[in-house]
Amino acid sequence: MPRVCRWNGIIISLFTNEHGLPHFHASYAEFEAVIAIATLDVLESDLPRRVEAEVIGWARTRQVELSEAWDSCQANVPPPKIAPPR
């Protein structure tokens, strides 16, 4: 489960053993969300609304990088780190 970004207690990870719809996991304390990369649809989430909105806003600016990181994972290549929000 490569971690590609971290800020303010939020961790963005890609699970390399999962297949299907390209997605990422966002965790914050004991909360987690699964978000589709292409559409930014929230597939599962119990994140606080403020944190979920922050993650979606970040992902909107990093969709290409998230997609490339997903492809790297699927090719068994460690993904590059992705910059946190400014």
C-alpha atoms as a PDB file:
ATOM      1  CA  MET A   1       0.000   0.000   0.000  1.00  0.00           C
ATOM      2  CA  PRO A   2       2.175   2.865  -1.219  1.00  0.00           C
ATOM      3  CA  ARG A   3       1.548   6.213   0.412  1.00  0.00           C
ATOM      4  CA  VAL A   4       1.740   8.889  -2.251  1.00  0.00           C
ATOM      5  CA  CYS A   5       0.894  11.983  -0.203  1.00  0.00           C
ATOM      6  CA  ARG A   6       0.453  13.163   3.375  1.00  0.00           C
ATOM      7  CA  TRP A   7      -0.673  16.465   4.916  1.00  0.00           C
ATOM      8  CA  ASN A   8      -2.502  17.612   8.063  1.00  0.00           C
ATOM      9  CA  GLY A   9      -2.955  14.018   9.221  1.00  0.00           C
ATOM     10  CA  ILE A  10      -4.481  12.949   5.887  1.00  0.00           C
ATOM     11  CA  ILE A  11      -2.774  10.030   4.157  1.00  0.00           C
ATOM     12  CA  ILE A  12      -3.376   9.188   0.495  1.00  0.00           C
ATOM     13  CA  SER A  13      -2.577   5.590  -0.444  1.00  0.00           C
ATOM     14  CA  LEU A  14      -2.926   3.263  -3.389  1.00  0.00           C
ATOM     15  CA  PHE A  15      -3.539  -0.414  -2.708  1.00  0.00           C
ATOM     16  CA  THR A  16      -1.452  -2.310  -5.239  1.00  0.00           C
ATOM     17  CA  ASN A  17      -3.254  -5.618  -4.757  1.00  0.00           C
ATOM     18  CA  GLU A  18      -6.651  -4.188  -5.715  1.00  0.00           C
ATOM     19  CA  HIS A  19      -7.787  -4.251  -9.310  1.00  0.00           C
ATOM     20  CA  GLY A  20     -10.745  -2.823 -11.164  1.00  0.00           C
ATOM     21  CA  LEU A  21     -11.753   0.804 -11.007  1.00  0.00           C
ATOM     22  CA  PRO A  22      -8.703   3.053 -10.442  1.00  0.00           C
ATOM     23  CA  HIS A  23      -9.106   4.605  -7.005  1.00  0.00           C
ATOM     24  CA  PHE A  24      -7.237   5.888  -3.995  1.00  0.00           C
ATOM     25  CA  HIS A  25      -7.728   5.629  -0.266  1.00  0.00           C
ATOM     26  CA  ALA A  26      -7.721   8.663   1.988  1.00  0.00           C
ATOM     27  CA  SER A  27      -7.340   8.076   5.709  1.00  0.00           C
ATOM     28  CA  TYR A  28      -7.586  10.522   8.574  1.00  0.00           C
ATOM     29  CA  ALA A  29      -7.349   9.226  12.159  1.00  0.00           C
ATOM     30  CA  GLU A  30      -9.762   6.270  12.287  1.00  0.00           C
ATOM     31  CA  PHE A  31     -11.711   7.415   9.219  1.00  0.00           C
ATOM     32  CA  GLU A  32     -11.260   6.363   5.598  1.00  0.00           C
ATOM     33  CA  ALA A  33     -12.615   7.039   2.125  1.00  0.00           C
ATOM     34  CA  VAL A  34     -12.244   5.278  -1.209  1.00  0.00           C
ATOM     35  CA  ILE A  35     -12.431   7.665  -4.177  1.00  0.00           C
ATOM     36  CA  ALA A  36     -12.481   6.933  -7.919  1.00  0.00           C
ATOM     37  CA  ILE A  37      -9.633   8.702  -9.693  1.00  0.00           C
ATOM     38  CA  ALA A  38     -11.338   9.389 -13.047  1.00  0.00           C
ATOM     39  CA  THR A  39     -14.583  10.845 -11.681  1.00  0.00           C
ATOM     40  CA  LEU A  40     -13.695  11.689  -8.069  1.00  0.00           C
ATOM     41  CA  ASP A  41     -16.852   9.875  -7.035  1.00  0.00           C
ATOM     42  CA  VAL A  42     -16.739   8.854  -3.391  1.00  0.00           C
ATOM     43  CA  LEU A  43     -17.163   5.073  -3.384  1.00  0.00           C
ATOM     44  CA  GLU A  44     -17.059   4.684   0.399  1.00  0.00           C
ATOM     45  CA  SER A  45     -16.444   7.188   3.156  1.00  0.00           C
ATOM     46  CA  ASP A  46     -16.782   7.888   6.818  1.00  0.00           C
ATOM     47  CA  LEU A  47     -14.419  10.882   6.686  1.00  0.00           C
ATOM     48  CA  PRO A  48     -15.625  14.076   8.346  1.00  0.00           C
ATOM     49  CA  ARG A  49     -17.219  16.288   5.667  1.00  0.00           C
ATOM     50  CA  ARG A  50     -14.528  18.964   5.951  1.00  0.00           C
ATOM     51  CA  VAL A  51     -11.755  16.416   5.425  1.00  0.00           C
ATOM     52  CA  GLU A  52     -13.593  14.718   2.561  1.00  0.00           C
ATOM     53  CA  ALA A  53     -14.037  18.094   0.822  1.00  0.00           C
ATOM     54  CA  GLU A  54     -10.337  18.876   1.330  1.00  0.00           C
ATOM     55  CA  VAL A  55      -9.326  15.516  -0.163  1.00  0.00           C
ATOM     56  CA  ILE A  56     -11.632  15.957  -3.179  1.00  0.00           C
ATOM     57  CA  GLY A  57     -10.307  19.482  -3.764  1.00  0.00           C
ATOM     58  CA  TRP A  58      -6.724  18.216  -3.641  1.00  0.00           C
ATOM     59  CA  ALA A  59      -7.500  15.260  -5.929  1.00  0.00           C
ATOM     60  CA  ARG A  60      -9.148  17.565  -8.479  1.00  0.00           C
ATOM     61  CA  THR A  61      -5.779  19.291  -8.976  1.00  0.00           C
ATOM     62  CA  ARG A  62      -3.845  16.009  -8.984  1.00  0.00           C
ATOM     63  CA  GLN A  63      -5.997  13.655 -11.091  1.00  0.00           C
ATOM     64  CA  VAL A  64      -3.355  13.118 -13.773  1.00  0.00           C
ATOM     65  CA  GLU A  65      -0.698  12.352 -11.160  1.00  0.00           C
ATOM     66  CA  LEU A  66      -3.046   9.993  -9.310  1.00  0.00           C
ATOM     67  CA  SER A  67      -3.825   8.173 -12.546  1.00  0.00           C
ATOM     68  CA  GLU A  68      -0.126   7.847 -13.367  1.00  0.00           C
ATOM     69  CA  ALA A  69       0.584   6.602  -9.847  1.00  0.00           C
ATOM     70  CA  TRP A  70      -2.191   3.993 -10.212  1.00  0.00           C
ATOM     71  CA  ASP A  71      -0.677   2.829 -13.509  1.00  0.00           C
ATOM     72  CA  SER A  72       2.751   2.581 -11.867  1.00  0.00           C
ATOM     73  CA  CYS A  73       1.351   0.419  -9.092  1.00  0.00           C
ATOM     74  CA  GLN A  74      -0.388  -1.857 -11.576  1.00  0.00           C
ATOM     75  CA  ALA A  75       2.959  -2.284 -13.375  1.00  0.00           C
ATOM     76  CA  ASN A  76       4.649  -3.133 -10.039  1.00  0.00           C
ATOM     77  CA  VAL A  77       6.656   0.096 -10.130  1.00  0.00           C
ATOM     78  CA  PRO A  78       6.763   2.259  -7.006  1.00  0.00           C
ATOM     79  CA  PRO A  79       4.646   5.364  -7.641  1.00  0.00           C
ATOM     80  CA  PRO A  80       6.144   8.830  -7.295  1.00  0.00           C
ATOM     81  CA  LYS A  81       5.135  11.023  -4.363  1.00  0.00           C
ATOM     82  CA  ILE A  82       2.432  13.590  -5.112  1.00  0.00           C
ATOM     83  CA  ALA A  83       2.613  17.100  -3.652  1.00  0.00           C
ATOM     84  CA  PRO A  84       0.191  18.075  -0.883  1.00  0.00           C
ATOM     85  CA  PRO A  85      -2.065  21.127  -1.174  1.00  0.00           C
ATOM     86  CA  ARG A  86      -0.380  24.485  -0.880  1.00  0.00           C
END
